[in-house]
C-alpha atoms as a PDB file:
ATOM      1  CA  MET A   1       0.000   0.000   0.000  1.00  0.00           C
ATOM      2  CA  ASP A   2       2.939   2.349   0.563  1.00  0.00           C
ATOM      3  CA  ARG A   3       3.868   2.059  -3.116  1.00  0.00           C
ATOM      4  CA  VAL A   4       0.298   2.883  -4.134  1.00  0.00           C
ATOM      5  CA  LEU A   5       0.177   5.960  -1.887  1.00  0.00           C
ATOM      6  CA  ARG A   6       3.532   7.229  -3.099  1.00  0.00           C
ATOM      7  CA  ALA A   7       2.461   6.831  -6.717  1.00  0.00           C
ATOM      8  CA  ALA A   8      -0.849   8.565  -6.039  1.00  0.00           C
ATOM      9  CA  THR A   9       0.960  11.396  -4.257  1.00  0.00           C
ATOM     10  CA  ARG A  10       3.147  12.008  -7.275  1.00  0.00           C
ATOM     11  CA  VAL A  11       0.107  12.175  -9.576  1.00  0.00           C
ATOM     12  CA  PHE A  12      -1.715  14.575  -7.263  1.00  0.00           C
ATOM     13  CA  LEU A  13       1.382  16.772  -7.034  1.00  0.00           C
ATOM     14  CA  ASP A  14       1.882  16.775 -10.790  1.00  0.00           C
ATOM     15  CA  ARG A  15      -1.723  17.318 -11.851  1.00  0.00           C
ATOM     16  CA  GLY A  16      -3.617  18.604  -8.822  1.00  0.00           C
ATOM     17  CA  PHE A  17      -6.694  17.051  -7.243  1.00  0.00           C
ATOM     18  CA  SER A  18      -9.317  18.268  -9.698  1.00  0.00           C
ATOM     19  CA  ALA A  19      -7.346  17.413 -12.838  1.00  0.00           C
ATOM     20  CA  THR A  20      -6.436  13.914 -11.626  1.00  0.00           C
ATOM     21  CA  SER A  21      -8.806  11.241 -12.887  1.00  0.00           C
ATOM     22  CA  MET A  22      -9.295   7.741 -11.598  1.00  0.00           C
ATOM     23  CA  SER A  23      -7.775   6.575 -14.887  1.00  0.00           C
ATOM     24  CA  ASP A  24      -4.628   8.547 -14.028  1.00  0.00           C
ATOM     25  CA  LEU A  25      -4.489   6.877 -10.628  1.00  0.00           C
ATOM     26  CA  VAL A  26      -5.059   3.421 -12.096  1.00  0.00           C
ATOM     27  CA  ALA A  27      -2.178   3.965 -14.517  1.00  0.00           C
ATOM     28  CA  ALA A  28       0.173   5.322 -11.828  1.00  0.00           C
ATOM     29  CA  THR A  29      -0.563   2.842  -9.052  1.00  0.00           C
ATOM     30  CA  GLY A  30      -1.019  -0.336 -11.051  1.00  0.00           C
ATOM     31  CA  MET A  31      -4.273  -1.081  -9.204  1.00  0.00           C
ATOM     32  CA  ASN A  32      -7.491  -1.405 -11.119  1.00  0.00           C
ATOM     33  CA  ARG A  33     -10.394   0.950 -10.506  1.00  0.00           C
ATOM     34  CA  ALA A  34     -12.313  -1.583  -8.390  1.00  0.00           C
ATOM     35  CA  GLY A  35      -9.250  -2.189  -6.232  1.00  0.00           C
ATOM     36  CA  LEU A  36      -8.737   1.522  -5.605  1.00  0.00           C
ATOM     37  CA  TYR A  37     -12.370   2.015  -4.645  1.00  0.00           C
ATOM     38  CA  ALA A  38     -12.259  -1.036  -2.382  1.00  0.00           C
ATOM     39  CA  ALA A  39      -9.117   0.198  -0.633  1.00  0.00           C
ATOM     40  CA  PHE A  40      -9.929   3.904  -0.333  1.00  0.00           C
ATOM     41  CA  GLY A  41     -13.606   4.415  -1.128  1.00  0.00           C
ATOM     42  CA  SER A  42     -13.168   7.486  -3.337  1.00  0.00           C
ATOM     43  CA  LYS A  43     -10.628   9.700  -5.055  1.00  0.00           C
ATOM     44  CA  HIS A  44     -11.095  12.226  -2.253  1.00  0.00           C
ATOM     45  CA  GLN A  45     -10.320   9.677   0.456  1.00  0.00           C
ATOM     46  CA  LEU A  46      -7.265   8.488  -1.480  1.00  0.00           C
ATOM     47  CA  TYR A  47      -6.117  12.124  -1.608  1.00  0.00           C
ATOM     48  CA  ILE A  48      -6.608  12.547   2.147  1.00  0.00           C
ATOM     49  CA  THR A  49      -4.741   9.307   2.848  1.00  0.00           C
ATOM     50  CA  ALA A  50      -1.899  10.305   0.531  1.00  0.00           C
ATOM     51  CA  LEU A  51      -1.679  13.724   2.217  1.00  0.00           C
ATOM     52  CA  GLN A  52      -1.417  12.111   5.630  1.00  0.00           C
ATOM     53  CA  ARG A  53       1.223   9.671   4.389  1.00  0.00           C
ATOM     54  CA  TYR A  54       3.179  12.608   2.922  1.00  0.00           C
ATOM     55  CA  ARG A  55       3.158  14.229   6.355  1.00  0.00           C
ATOM     56  CA  ASP A  56       4.233  10.970   7.977  1.00  0.00           C
ATOM     57  CA  ASP A  57       7.140  10.736   5.526  1.00  0.00           C
ATOM     58  CA  THR A  58       8.384  14.322   5.670  1.00  0.00           C
ATOM     59  CA  GLU A  59       7.707  15.641   9.161  1.00  0.00           C
ATOM     60  CA  PRO A  60       9.815  13.293  11.343  1.00  0.00           C
ATOM     61  CA  GLU A  61      12.963  15.011  10.060  1.00  0.00           C
ATOM     62  CA  LEU A  62      11.599  18.354  11.263  1.00  0.00           C
ATOM     63  CA  ARG A  63      10.566  16.869  14.619  1.00  0.00           C
ATOM     64  CA  ALA A  64      14.066  15.442  15.098  1.00  0.00           C
ATOM     65  CA  ILE A  65      15.677  18.834  14.491  1.00  0.00           C
ATOM     66  CA  ALA A  66      13.324  20.478  16.981  1.00  0.00           C
ATOM     67  CA  ARG A  67      13.954  17.802  19.626  1.00  0.00           C
ATOM     68  CA  ARG A  68      17.708  18.256  19.367  1.00  0.00           C
ATOM     69  CA  ALA A  69      17.461  22.024  19.612  1.00  0.00           C
ATOM     70  CA  THR A  70      15.123  22.060  22.608  1.00  0.00           C
ATOM     71  CA  ALA A  71      16.626  19.200  24.609  1.00  0.00           C
ATOM     72  CA  ARG A  72      17.478  20.268  28.154  1.00  0.00           C
ATOM     73  CA  GLU A  73      20.728  18.385  27.946  1.00  0.00           C
ATOM     74  CA  ALA A  74      21.760  20.252  24.791  1.00  0.00           C
ATOM     75  CA  ALA A  75      25.174  21.855  25.133  1.00  0.00           C
ATOM     76  CA  ASP A  76      24.936  25.432  26.375  1.00  0.00           C
ATOM     77  CA  ASP A  77      28.412  26.292  25.138  1.00  0.00           C
ATOM     78  CA  ASP A  78      27.301  26.550  21.515  1.00  0.00           C
ATOM     79  CA  PRO A  79      25.762  30.018  21.075  1.00  0.00           C
ATOM     80  CA  ALA A  80      24.152  29.139  17.759  1.00  0.00           C
ATOM     81  CA  ASP A  81      22.148  25.981  18.466  1.00  0.00           C
ATOM     82  CA  ALA A  82      18.681  27.462  17.889  1.00  0.00           C
ATOM     83  CA  LEU A  83      19.495  29.507  14.817  1.00  0.00           C
ATOM     84  CA  ARG A  84      21.332  26.565  13.333  1.00  0.00           C
ATOM     85  CA  ALA A  85      18.244  24.424  13.972  1.00  0.00           C
ATOM     86  CA  VAL A  86      16.035  26.968  12.192  1.00  0.00           C
ATOM     87  CA  ALA A  87      18.501  26.968   9.286  1.00  0.00           C
ATOM     88  CA  GLU A  88      18.305  23.163   9.165  1.00  0.00           C
ATOM     89  CA  ILE A  89      14.507  23.299   9.106  1.00  0.00           C
ATOM     90  CA  LEU A  90      14.619  25.792   6.259  1.00  0.00           C
ATOM     91  CA  ASP A  91      17.009  23.506   4.380  1.00  0.00           C
ATOM     92  CA  VAL A  92      14.428  20.716   4.681  1.00  0.00           C
ATOM     93  CA  VAL A  93      11.700  23.069   3.448  1.00  0.00           C
ATOM     94  CA  VAL A  94      13.785  24.168   0.455  1.00  0.00           C
ATOM     95  CA  ARG A  95      14.381  20.528  -0.452  1.00  0.00           C
ATOM     96  CA  HIS A  96      10.705  19.570  -0.156  1.00  0.00           C
ATOM     97  CA  SER A  97       9.594  22.645  -2.085  1.00  0.00           C
ATOM     98  CA  LYS A  98      11.067  21.037  -5.196  1.00  0.00           C
ATOM     99  CA  GLU A  99       8.711  18.104  -4.639  1.00  0.00           C
ATOM    100  CA  GLY A 100       5.687  20.354  -4.880  1.00  0.00           C
ATOM    101  CA  GLY A 101       4.789  21.151  -1.272  1.00  0.00           C
ATOM    102  CA  PHE A 102       1.804  18.808  -0.947  1.00  0.00           C
ATOM    103  CA  VAL A 103       0.441  20.538   2.184  1.00  0.00           C
ATOM    104  CA  VAL A 104       0.376  23.986   0.566  1.00  0.00           C
ATOM    105  CA  ARG A 105      -1.032  22.583  -2.681  1.00  0.00           C
ATOM    106  CA  ALA A 106      -3.802  20.921  -0.651  1.00  0.00           C
ATOM    107  CA  ALA A 107      -4.587  24.201   1.115  1.00  0.00           C
ATOM    108  CA  VAL A 108      -4.879  26.049  -2.205  1.00  0.00           C
ATOM    109  CA  GLU A 109      -6.898  23.423  -4.066  1.00  0.00           C
ATOM    110  CA  LEU A 110      -9.199  22.178  -1.322  1.00  0.00           C
ATOM    111  CA  ALA A 111      -9.503  25.195   0.967  1.00  0.00           C
ATOM    112  CA  ASP A 112     -13.243  24.552   1.377  1.00  0.00           C
ATOM    113  CA  ASP A 113     -12.850  20.888   2.295  1.00  0.00           C
ATOM    114  CA  PRO A 114     -12.892  20.379   6.094  1.00  0.00           C
ATOM    115  CA  ALA A 115     -11.093  17.024   6.033  1.00  0.00           C
ATOM    116  CA  THR A 116      -8.226  18.402   3.971  1.00  0.00           C
ATOM    117  CA  MET A 117      -7.924  21.662   5.879  1.00  0.00           C
ATOM    118  CA  ARG A 118      -7.907  19.880   9.234  1.00  0.00           C
ATOM    119  CA  ARG A 119      -4.756  18.040   8.165  1.00  0.00           C
ATOM    120  CA  VAL A 120      -3.245  21.185   6.664  1.00  0.00           C
ATOM    121  CA  GLN A 121      -3.877  23.179   9.826  1.00  0.00           C
ATOM    122  CA  ASP A 122      -2.464  20.366  11.951  1.00  0.00           C
ATOM    123  CA  ALA A 123       0.733  20.411   9.892  1.00  0.00           C
ATOM    124  CA  TRP A 124       1.137  24.180  10.200  1.00  0.00           C
ATOM    125  CA  THR A 125       0.283  24.189  13.907  1.00  0.00           C
ATOM    126  CA  ASP A 126       2.864  21.481  14.604  1.00  0.00           C
ATOM    127  CA  LEU A 127       5.585  23.344  12.701  1.00  0.00           C
ATOM    128  CA  GLU A 128       4.774  26.682  14.343  1.00  0.00           C
ATOM    129  CA  ARG A 129       4.859  25.024  17.777  1.00  0.00           C
ATOM    130  CA  ASP A 130       8.250  23.468  17.050  1.00  0.00           C
ATOM    131  CA  LEU A 131       9.689  26.742  15.791  1.00  0.00           C
ATOM    132  CA  ALA A 132       8.346  28.602  18.834  1.00  0.00           C
ATOM    133  CA  ALA A 133       9.868  25.992  21.157  1.00  0.00           C
ATOM    134  CA  ILE A 134      13.257  26.310  19.453  1.00  0.00           C
ATOM    135  CA  LEU A 135      13.195  30.101  19.679  1.00  0.00           C
ATOM    136  CA  ALA A 136      11.921  30.100  23.273  1.00  0.00           C
ATOM    137  CA  ARG A 137      14.811  27.828  24.217  1.00  0.00           C
ATOM    138  CA  ALA A 138      17.139  30.291  22.497  1.00  0.00           C
ATOM    139  CA  VAL A 139      15.789  33.141  24.616  1.00  0.00           C
ATOM    140  CA  GLU A 140      16.142  31.006  27.730  1.00  0.00           C
ATOM    141  CA  ARG A 141      19.792  30.220  26.935  1.00  0.00           C
ATOM    142  CA  GLY A 142      20.594  33.842  26.128  1.00  0.00           C
ATOM    143  CA  GLU A 143      21.086  33.129  22.448  1.00  0.00           C
ATOM    144  CA  LEU A 144      18.358  35.625  21.576  1.00  0.00           C
ATOM    145  CA  ASP A 145      17.504  38.882  23.306  1.00  0.00           C
ATOM    146  CA  PRO A 146      15.067  38.473  26.237  1.00  0.00           C
ATOM    147  CA  ALA A 147      12.753  40.979  24.545  1.00  0.00           C
ATOM    148  CA  ALA A 148      12.376  38.718  21.488  1.00  0.00           C
ATOM    149  CA  ASP A 149       8.885  37.223  21.099  1.00  0.00           C
ATOM    150  CA  PRO A 150       9.354  33.520  20.182  1.00  0.00           C
ATOM    151  CA  GLY A 151       5.717  33.114  19.160  1.00  0.00           C
ATOM    152  CA  ARG A 152       5.746  36.055  16.772  1.00  0.00           C
ATOM    153  CA  LEU A 153       9.091  35.055  15.276  1.00  0.00           C
ATOM    154  CA  ALA A 154       7.847  31.475  14.849  1.00  0.00           C
ATOM    155  CA  ARG A 155       4.757  32.705  13.021  1.00  0.00           C
ATOM    156  CA  THR A 156       6.939  34.856  10.775  1.00  0.00           C
ATOM    157  CA  ALA A 157       9.045  31.792   9.961  1.00  0.00           C
ATOM    158  CA  LEU A 158       5.916  29.710   9.323  1.00  0.00           C
ATOM    159  CA  VAL A 159       4.543  32.205   6.802  1.00  0.00           C
ATOM    160  CA  PHE A 160       7.948  32.167   5.094  1.00  0.00           C
ATOM    161  CA  VAL A 161       7.770  28.352   4.916  1.00  0.00           C
ATOM    162  CA  GLN A 162       4.293  28.486   3.367  1.00  0.00           C
ATOM    163  CA  GLY A 163       5.491  30.894   0.703  1.00  0.00           C
ATOM    164  CA  ALA A 164       8.701  28.961   0.171  1.00  0.00           C
ATOM    165  CA  LEU A 165       6.821  25.779  -0.646  1.00  0.00           C
ATOM    166  CA  VAL A 166       4.940  27.623  -3.390  1.00  0.00           C
ATOM    167  CA  THR A 167       7.956  29.541  -4.697  1.00  0.00           C
ATOM    168  CA  GLY A 168      10.249  26.528  -4.757  1.00  0.00           C
ATOM    169  CA  HIS A 169       7.815  24.552  -6.872  1.00  0.00           C
ATOM    170  CA  ALA A 170       7.210  27.330  -9.407  1.00  0.00           C
ATOM    171  CA  ASP A 171      10.567  29.127  -9.571  1.00  0.00           C
ATOM    172  CA  GLU A 172      13.359  27.698 -11.733  1.00  0.00           C
ATOM    173  CA  ASP A 173      15.929  29.906  -9.985  1.00  0.00           C
ATOM    174  CA  ASP A 174      17.113  27.758  -7.065  1.00  0.00           C
ATOM    175  CA  SER A 175      19.228  30.561  -5.649  1.00  0.00           C
ATOM    176  CA  ARG A 176      16.224  32.825  -5.007  1.00  0.00           C
ATOM    177  CA  LEU A 177      14.697  30.555  -2.395  1.00  0.00           C
ATOM    178  CA  ALA A 178      18.063  29.662  -0.875  1.00  0.00           C
ATOM    179  CA  ASP A 179      18.939  33.345  -0.517  1.00  0.00           C
ATOM    180  CA  ALA A 180      15.564  34.056   1.081  1.00  0.00           C
ATOM    181  CA  ALA A 181      16.093  31.239   3.595  1.00  0.00           C
ATOM    182  CA  ALA A 182      19.496  32.660   4.486  1.00  0.00           C
ATOM    183  CA  GLY A 183      17.908  36.103   4.806  1.00  0.00           C
ATOM    184  CA  LEU A 184      15.340  34.823   7.288  1.00  0.00           C
ATOM    185  CA  VAL A 185      18.102  33.313   9.409  1.00  0.00           C
ATOM    186  CA  ASP A 186      19.918  36.661   9.261  1.00  0.00           C
ATOM    187  CA  LEU A 187      16.735  38.376  10.419  1.00  0.00           C
ATOM    188  CA  LEU A 188      16.490  36.048  13.405  1.00  0.00           C
ATOM    189  CA  ALA A 189      20.181  36.580  14.107  1.00  0.00           C
ATOM    190  CA  SER A 190      19.515  40.313  14.474  1.00  0.00           C
ATOM    191  CA  TYR A 191      17.805  39.431  17.763  1.00  0.00           C
ATOM    192  CA  ARG A 192      21.037  38.032  19.184  1.00  0.00           C
ATOM    193  CA  PRO A 193      22.429  40.037  22.121  1.00  0.00           C
ATOM    194  CA  SER A 194      25.907  40.297  20.602  1.00  0.00           C
ATOM    195  CA  ALA A 195      26.198  42.471  17.514  1.00  0.00           C
ATOM    196  CA  THR A 196      29.496  40.761  16.687  1.00  0.00           C
ATOM    197  CA  ALA A 197      28.077  37.223  16.699  1.00  0.00           C
ATOM    198  CA  ALA A 198      29.063  35.176  13.657  1.00  0.00           C
ATOM    199  CA  PRO A 199      26.290  34.682  11.072  1.00  0.00           C
ATOM    200  CA  ILE A 200      24.590  31.300  10.693  1.00  0.00           C
ATOM    201  CA  ARG A 201      24.337  30.264   7.071  1.00  0.00           C
ATOM    202  CA  SER A 202      21.701  28.011   5.610  1.00  0.00           C
ATOM    203  CA  GLN A 203      23.205  25.010   3.836  1.00  0.00           C
ATOM    204  CA  ALA A 204      20.796  25.679   0.972  1.00  0.00           C
ATOM    205  CA  ALA A 205      22.422  29.057   0.389  1.00  0.00           C
ATOM    206  CA  ASP A 206      25.889  27.501   0.291  1.00  0.00           C
ATOM    207  CA  ASP A 207      24.654  24.842  -2.156  1.00  0.00           C
ATOM    208  CA  ALA A 208      23.198  27.537  -4.409  1.00  0.00           C
ATOM    209  CA  LEU A 209      26.515  29.390  -4.472  1.00  0.00           C
ATOM    210  CA  LEU A 210      28.333  26.203  -5.422  1.00  0.00           C
ATOM    211  CA  ASN A 211      25.865  25.579  -8.248  1.00  0.00           C
ATOM    212  CA  GLU A 212      26.492  29.074  -9.606  1.00  0.00           C
ATOM    213  CA  SER A 213      30.289  28.690  -9.609  1.00  0.00           C
END
């Protein structure tokens, strides 16, 4: 069933929900129409199941980054743990943006569908919570200024992620998104107490520079 869901996900990402026919799904998954209906009930339910599987596949990497950055036993002698974690999360987002950003595509195409939007909102809420936890830990450790608002900064980062998933899919210029990710990290770094602190670069930005050389 994993193979079927992955194949269906690719079709939905390539064509969108409305433009995908059951014939397209039959051709991509190798299951006949009766088998697909027996397993999932409808094209809509297959879409919902594929969306959830996409989250299950992509989000553990983000959760792992957040756990490392917020762990109480994390080393306090590294003044860049939180910003580096945000940069790592943005690197993951840049990478997944090239795959089409299934969650954002779902929000755009099926904004009026409660079942879809419940999963979309869950995904965004989880990411915003993780980002806020990382930034709150940074304030606690003195990595960011005590006046910094972790919740507001996390929401700013979340809106960037939402836009990045759209931009990365549509824009052929890889460096644009990588530069924007690095710029967001620079913005967060401006909240660091020390004006002489070394900048934290996103790996995506470094990769883009290498590709240009």
